[in-house]
Protein backbone atom coordinates (compact mmCIF):
# COMPACT_ATOMS: atom_id res chain seq x y z
CA UNK A 1 26.34 -42.78 137.60
CA UNK A 2 26.24 -42.11 133.84
CA UNK A 3 22.95 -41.77 132.01
CA UNK A 4 22.38 -44.54 129.43
CA UNK A 5 19.91 -44.28 126.56
CA UNK A 6 18.35 -47.62 125.68
CA UNK A 7 17.29 -47.78 122.03
CA UNK A 8 15.28 -50.94 122.64
CA UNK A 9 13.24 -49.44 125.49
CA UNK A 10 13.40 -45.95 123.92
CA UNK A 11 14.14 -44.15 127.16
CA UNK A 12 17.07 -42.92 129.26
CA UNK A 13 18.16 -45.02 132.23
CA UNK A 14 19.92 -43.37 135.17
CA UNK A 15 21.21 -46.72 136.47
CA UNK A 16 23.79 -47.07 133.71
CA UNK A 17 24.45 -50.50 132.26
CA UNK A 18 22.51 -52.19 135.04
CA UNK A 19 19.37 -51.25 133.09
CA UNK A 20 20.14 -54.01 130.59
CA UNK A 21 19.69 -56.61 133.30
CA UNK A 22 16.33 -55.26 134.47
CA UNK A 23 13.15 -57.31 134.02
CA UNK A 24 11.52 -54.76 131.70
CA UNK A 25 14.52 -54.59 129.38
CA UNK A 26 14.81 -58.39 129.20
CA UNK A 27 11.11 -58.72 128.41
CA UNK A 28 11.32 -56.18 125.55
CA UNK A 29 14.45 -57.91 124.28
CA UNK A 30 12.68 -61.26 124.09
CA UNK A 31 9.69 -59.75 122.29
CA UNK A 32 11.88 -57.99 119.70
CA UNK A 33 13.96 -61.11 119.06
CA UNK A 34 10.82 -63.25 118.73
CA UNK A 35 9.43 -60.93 116.03
CA UNK A 36 12.75 -60.92 114.16
CA UNK A 37 13.00 -64.73 114.32
CA UNK A 38 9.46 -65.06 113.00
CA UNK A 39 10.21 -62.76 110.04
CA UNK A 40 13.46 -64.61 109.32
CA UNK A 41 11.68 -67.98 109.34
CA UNK A 42 9.04 -66.69 106.90
CA UNK A 43 11.75 -65.36 104.55
CA UNK A 44 13.62 -68.69 104.64
CA UNK A 45 10.40 -70.59 103.89
CA UNK A 46 9.76 -68.37 100.86
CA UNK A 47 13.30 -69.03 99.66
CA UNK A 48 12.50 -72.73 99.37
CA UNK A 49 9.54 -72.00 97.02
CA UNK A 50 11.14 -69.90 94.26
CA UNK A 51 8.33 -70.42 91.73
CA UNK A 52 5.80 -68.71 94.01
CA UNK A 53 8.05 -65.72 94.76
CA UNK A 54 6.92 -63.51 91.82
CA UNK A 55 3.65 -61.60 91.96
CA UNK A 56 2.15 -58.60 90.26
CA UNK A 57 3.14 -55.47 92.20
CA UNK A 58 0.50 -54.02 94.51
CA UNK A 59 1.55 -51.02 96.66
CA UNK A 60 -0.94 -51.79 99.41
CA UNK A 61 0.36 -55.35 99.78
CA UNK A 62 4.05 -55.21 98.88
CA UNK A 63 5.19 -51.97 100.50
CA UNK A 64 5.31 -53.38 104.04
CA UNK A 65 8.39 -53.10 106.25
CA UNK A 66 9.90 -55.26 109.01
CA UNK A 67 11.59 -53.65 112.03
CA UNK A 68 15.12 -54.87 112.63
CA UNK A 69 16.11 -54.23 116.28
CA UNK A 70 19.75 -55.03 115.57
CA UNK A 71 20.13 -52.33 112.90
CA UNK A 72 17.54 -50.01 114.43
CA UNK A 73 15.61 -49.36 111.19
CA UNK A 74 12.78 -50.70 109.09
CA UNK A 75 13.56 -53.04 106.21
CA UNK A 76 11.37 -53.46 103.14
CA UNK A 77 10.05 -57.01 103.10
CA UNK A 78 9.49 -57.50 99.35
CA UNK A 79 11.68 -56.43 96.45
CA UNK A 80 10.51 -54.90 93.21
CA UNK A 81 11.55 -55.19 89.58
CA UNK A 82 9.43 -53.19 87.16
CA UNK A 83 5.78 -54.13 87.65
CA UNK A 84 6.61 -57.31 89.56
CA UNK A 85 6.99 -57.85 93.29
CA UNK A 86 9.65 -60.29 94.54
CA UNK A 87 8.32 -61.79 97.76
CA UNK A 88 10.73 -61.70 100.75
CA UNK A 89 13.59 -60.56 98.49
CA UNK A 90 14.28 -57.33 100.37
CA UNK A 91 14.33 -58.97 103.80
CA UNK A 92 16.52 -61.86 102.57
CA UNK A 93 19.04 -59.42 101.09
CA UNK A 94 19.19 -57.54 104.39
CA UNK A 95 19.53 -60.63 106.60
CA UNK A 96 22.35 -61.99 104.42
CA UNK A 97 24.24 -58.71 104.18
CA UNK A 98 27.49 -57.98 106.04
CA UNK A 99 26.06 -54.87 107.73
CA UNK A 100 23.27 -56.83 109.41
CA UNK A 101 25.73 -59.51 110.55
CA UNK A 102 28.01 -56.86 112.09
CA UNK A 103 25.13 -55.02 113.80
CA UNK A 104 23.74 -58.33 115.11
CA UNK A 105 27.04 -59.12 116.82
CA UNK A 106 27.09 -55.69 118.45
CA UNK A 107 23.44 -56.00 119.55
CA UNK A 108 24.06 -59.41 121.14
CA UNK A 109 27.17 -58.18 122.91
CA UNK A 110 25.52 -55.05 124.36
CA UNK A 111 22.25 -56.69 125.46
CA UNK A 112 23.74 -60.00 126.68
CA UNK A 113 21.30 -62.04 124.60
CA UNK A 114 21.48 -65.83 124.25
CA UNK A 115 24.16 -66.83 121.77
CA UNK A 116 22.08 -69.77 120.48
CA UNK A 117 19.41 -67.38 119.15
CA UNK A 118 21.86 -65.38 117.06
CA UNK A 119 21.95 -67.76 114.08
CA UNK A 120 18.17 -67.74 113.90
CA UNK A 121 18.28 -64.04 112.96
CA UNK A 122 20.84 -64.48 110.18
CA UNK A 123 20.74 -65.98 106.68
CA UNK A 124 23.87 -67.75 105.38
CA UNK A 125 25.40 -66.45 102.18
CA UNK A 126 25.03 -69.84 100.43
CA UNK A 127 21.31 -69.93 101.18
CA UNK A 128 20.87 -66.41 99.81
CA UNK A 129 22.73 -67.36 96.62
CA UNK A 130 20.37 -70.29 96.07
CA UNK A 131 17.41 -67.98 96.71
CA UNK A 132 18.75 -65.43 94.19
CA UNK A 133 19.22 -68.12 91.52
CA UNK A 134 15.73 -69.52 92.11
CA UNK A 135 14.36 -65.98 91.90
CA UNK A 136 16.06 -65.39 88.54
CA UNK A 137 14.58 -68.63 87.20
CA UNK A 138 11.14 -67.61 88.43
CA UNK A 139 11.50 -64.23 86.72
CA UNK A 140 12.55 -65.88 83.45
CA UNK A 141 9.61 -68.28 83.63
CA UNK A 142 7.19 -65.47 84.36
CA UNK A 143 8.54 -63.46 81.44
CA UNK A 144 8.19 -66.45 79.12
CA UNK A 145 4.56 -66.95 80.18
CA UNK A 146 3.84 -63.25 79.62
CA UNK A 147 5.31 -63.41 76.10
CA UNK A 148 3.23 -66.49 75.28
CA UNK A 149 0.12 -64.76 76.57
CA UNK A 150 0.83 -61.69 74.44
CA UNK A 151 1.42 -63.82 71.34
CA UNK A 152 -1.83 -65.70 71.96
CA UNK A 153 -3.75 -62.42 72.32
CA UNK A 154 -2.24 -61.15 69.06
CA UNK A 155 -3.25 -64.39 67.29
CA UNK A 156 -6.80 -64.08 68.63
CA UNK A 157 -7.01 -60.48 67.39
CA UNK A 158 -5.79 -61.46 63.91
CA UNK A 159 -8.29 -64.32 63.79
CA UNK A 160 -11.16 -61.99 64.77
CA UNK A 161 -10.14 -59.48 62.08
CA UNK A 162 -9.97 -62.26 59.45
CA UNK A 163 -13.48 -63.48 60.34
CA UNK A 164 -14.77 -59.91 60.19
CA UNK A 165 -13.30 -59.37 56.72
CA UNK A 166 -14.79 -62.65 55.47
CA UNK A 167 -18.22 -61.66 56.82
CA UNK A 168 -18.08 -58.28 55.09
CA UNK A 169 -16.95 -59.79 51.77
CA UNK A 170 -19.73 -62.39 51.88
CA UNK A 171 -22.33 -59.68 52.53
CA UNK A 172 -21.04 -57.62 49.60
CA UNK A 173 -21.12 -60.60 47.23
CA UNK A 174 -24.74 -61.45 48.10
CA UNK A 175 -26.00 -57.87 47.42
CA UNK A 176 -26.93 -57.37 43.69
CA UNK A 177 -25.29 -54.46 41.91
CA UNK A 178 -27.78 -51.80 40.61
CA UNK A 179 -27.98 -51.20 36.87
CA UNK A 180 -26.47 -48.05 35.48
CA UNK A 181 -29.07 -45.29 35.26
CA UNK A 182 -31.67 -47.18 37.27
CA UNK A 183 -33.55 -45.38 39.98
CA UNK A 184 -34.40 -46.53 43.46
CA UNK A 185 -36.40 -49.74 43.96
CA UNK A 186 -40.08 -49.33 43.13
CA UNK A 187 -39.57 -46.07 41.23
CA UNK A 188 -40.09 -46.16 37.47
CA UNK A 189 -38.79 -43.39 35.31
CA UNK A 190 -41.70 -41.99 33.30
CA UNK A 191 -41.33 -39.19 30.86
CA UNK A 192 -42.81 -35.78 31.40
CA UNK A 193 -43.58 -33.80 34.56
CA UNK A 194 -44.47 -36.96 36.52
CA UNK A 195 -40.82 -37.99 36.74
CA UNK A 196 -39.78 -35.54 39.48
CA UNK A 197 -42.88 -36.00 41.64
CA UNK A 198 -42.84 -39.81 41.51
CA UNK A 199 -39.14 -40.32 42.13
CA UNK A 200 -39.12 -37.71 44.90
CA UNK A 201 -41.95 -39.41 46.82
CA UNK A 202 -41.22 -41.59 49.80
CA UNK A 203 -41.04 -45.30 48.96
CA UNK A 204 -42.17 -48.04 51.35
CA UNK A 205 -39.32 -49.95 52.91
CA UNK A 206 -37.94 -51.31 56.18
CA UNK A 207 -36.30 -48.02 57.13
CA UNK A 208 -39.30 -45.80 56.36
CA UNK A 209 -36.98 -43.00 55.20
CA UNK A 210 -37.03 -40.90 52.06
CA UNK A 211 -35.10 -42.64 49.28
CA UNK A 212 -34.91 -39.77 46.81
CA UNK A 213 -34.76 -35.97 46.77
CA UNK A 214 -37.98 -34.05 47.17
CA UNK A 215 -38.20 -31.71 44.16
CA UNK A 216 -41.87 -30.77 44.62
CA UNK A 217 -40.99 -27.58 46.55
CA UNK A 218 -40.17 -25.79 43.28
CA UNK A 219 -43.82 -25.81 42.15
CA UNK A 220 -45.41 -25.09 45.57
CA UNK A 221 -44.56 -21.40 45.59
CA UNK A 222 -42.71 -21.50 48.93
CA UNK A 223 -40.38 -18.62 49.78
CA UNK A 224 -36.87 -19.63 50.81
CA UNK A 225 -34.91 -17.93 53.55
CA UNK A 226 -31.55 -16.46 52.58
CA UNK A 227 -28.94 -17.49 55.16
CA UNK A 228 -25.93 -15.75 53.64
CA UNK A 229 -24.40 -12.37 54.48
CA UNK A 230 -26.81 -9.47 53.96
CA UNK A 231 -25.64 -5.87 53.72
CA UNK A 232 -27.84 -3.54 55.76
CA UNK A 233 -27.37 0.19 56.18
CA UNK A 234 -27.33 0.80 59.91
CA UNK A 235 -30.29 -1.50 60.65
CA UNK A 236 -30.41 -4.83 62.40
CA UNK A 237 -27.71 -6.17 64.71
CA UNK A 238 -24.17 -7.44 64.53
CA UNK A 239 -25.36 -10.84 63.26
CA UNK A 240 -26.97 -9.30 60.17
CA UNK A 241 -23.95 -7.17 59.29
CA UNK A 242 -24.80 -3.92 61.11
CA UNK A 243 -22.11 -1.92 62.86
CA UNK A 244 -22.04 -2.45 66.63
CA UNK A 245 -23.07 0.53 68.79
CA UNK A 246 -19.60 0.98 70.32
CA UNK A 247 -18.16 1.64 66.84
CA UNK A 248 -20.76 4.11 65.67
CA UNK A 249 -19.82 7.78 65.76
CA UNK A 250 -22.09 10.36 67.33
CA UNK A 251 -23.73 12.60 64.74
CA UNK A 252 -24.01 15.48 67.18
CA UNK A 253 -20.75 15.92 69.03
CA UNK A 254 -22.25 18.35 71.56
CA UNK A 255 -24.80 15.82 72.75
CA UNK A 256 -23.87 14.57 76.20
CA UNK A 257 -25.61 12.32 78.65
CA UNK A 258 -25.17 13.36 82.27
CA UNK A 259 -22.65 15.78 83.81
CA UNK A 260 -19.05 15.93 82.66
CA UNK A 261 -16.12 14.75 84.72
CA UNK A 262 -15.07 18.31 85.64
CA UNK A 263 -18.56 19.16 86.86
CA UNK A 264 -18.63 15.99 88.93
CA UNK A 265 -15.33 16.95 90.60
CA UNK A 266 -16.60 20.46 91.40
CA UNK A 267 -19.79 19.05 92.89
CA UNK A 268 -17.79 16.62 95.00
CA UNK A 269 -15.58 19.46 96.27
CA UNK A 270 -18.63 21.51 97.25
CA UNK A 271 -20.03 18.58 99.19
CA UNK A 272 -16.75 18.33 101.13
CA UNK A 273 -16.79 22.06 101.95
CA UNK A 274 -20.33 21.86 103.31
CA UNK A 275 -19.16 19.42 106.00
CA UNK A 276 -16.47 21.82 107.28
CA UNK A 277 -17.12 24.55 109.94
CA UNK A 278 -18.48 27.79 108.50
CA UNK A 279 -16.25 30.02 110.67
CA UNK A 280 -13.01 28.21 109.92
CA UNK A 281 -9.86 30.11 108.92
CA UNK A 282 -9.92 30.90 105.21
CA UNK A 283 -13.61 30.18 104.76
CA UNK A 284 -14.26 33.49 102.95
CA UNK A 285 -11.22 33.29 100.70
CA UNK A 286 -11.94 34.64 97.25
CA UNK A 287 -10.69 32.01 94.82
CA UNK A 288 -11.61 34.11 91.80
CA UNK A 289 -9.45 37.12 92.71
CA UNK A 290 -6.58 38.05 90.43
CA UNK A 291 -3.25 37.61 92.25
CA UNK A 292 0.43 37.64 91.45
CA UNK A 293 3.67 36.49 93.09
CA UNK A 294 4.23 39.95 94.70
CA UNK A 295 0.82 40.15 96.38
CA UNK A 296 -0.36 37.96 99.26
CA UNK A 297 -3.89 36.66 98.67
CA UNK A 298 -6.68 36.91 101.22
CA UNK A 299 -6.92 34.01 103.66
CA UNK A 300 -9.87 35.20 105.72
CA UNK A 301 -9.76 37.24 108.92
CA UNK A 302 -6.35 35.88 109.97
CA UNK A 303 -4.71 38.17 107.43
CA UNK A 304 -7.46 40.72 106.90
CA UNK A 305 -8.01 41.66 110.59
CA UNK A 306 -4.68 41.75 112.42
CA UNK A 307 -2.41 39.07 113.77
CA UNK A 308 -3.22 35.49 114.53
CA UNK A 309 -3.54 35.98 118.31
CA UNK A 310 -6.01 38.81 117.72
CA UNK A 311 -8.06 36.55 115.46
CA UNK A 312 -8.02 33.91 118.22
CA UNK A 313 -9.30 36.30 120.87
CA UNK A 314 -11.90 37.62 118.45
CA UNK A 315 -13.09 34.08 117.75
CA UNK A 316 -13.41 33.36 121.49
CA UNK A 317 -15.31 36.58 122.00
CA UNK A 318 -17.74 35.78 119.21
CA UNK A 319 -18.18 32.26 120.51
CA UNK A 320 -18.98 33.64 124.02
CA UNK A 321 -21.51 36.08 122.60
CA UNK A 322 -23.19 33.31 120.64
CA UNK A 323 -23.40 31.13 123.75
CA UNK A 324 -24.93 33.98 125.76
CA UNK A 325 -27.39 34.71 122.99
CA UNK A 326 -28.36 31.04 122.74
CA UNK A 327 -28.79 30.85 126.53
CA UNK A 328 -30.98 33.94 126.59
CA UNK A 329 -33.11 32.56 123.78
CA UNK A 330 -33.61 29.37 125.77
CA UNK A 331 -34.61 31.31 128.90
CA UNK A 332 -37.14 33.41 127.00
């Protein structure tokens, strides 16, 4: 018997089409159709109240989906236009569309559902047209109210600015204009040296602040600090105009702190040689000897004392003598 995959039960049935008549499949079919009928009834109820179908868009509230078992996919419940959410518009458009009507007929035919329940999961085209017209009227009304609200806010702002200007003009008209050449309130202009000291003194008032310049510092003998650019010859720091230390040239070119780079490399090479065996091949090579291309330099006892195999036997002999000597020293 052929294997049948049931999209409603979401599993493969090895009994073929007889699975659609099983108790589990019929129970899941009734549950799916009940949910679809409930969603369709809610969409039709919203279509009757077109004025309440426009809301401000909220992703957490208006991004929900409704599962359509006939089409096998989720359908967005609410529509969206700009920053507004159209309640039940997406589901109504889907239920009234030709694709949903065609898939509903196929679903009813394959699952042997009750024919009387089919119309409860569909929306007639005339009803959807009325819903679309009511939705357009609701959008126009909402837009009109928004424009009125914006105009009212603009009028309130202009009124507040007008009152503010009137308040400022009234305050300026009440304040008397000072006479030309007159000093601050409470300060007379005597002749002689008293003029600077009296007008520069602090006058009593609500703010408690100094009302005139203090010119008494000229006779007190105070020394002022110069805050401009001062030229200094090699003294001070970069803020006072001195040359920074990384731009100064050394007076004595031979003065050097620490070893040079070449000396450091030589010292590092010596440290490496100390870790190597003393009796290695080429240990006593004379690096300072004068050589040419026609003369083979000295590479230790490999070249100075016969062939390589002789040097090997000689090394083993010396190693044996050293071991015997070390053993005899331990015994004594």
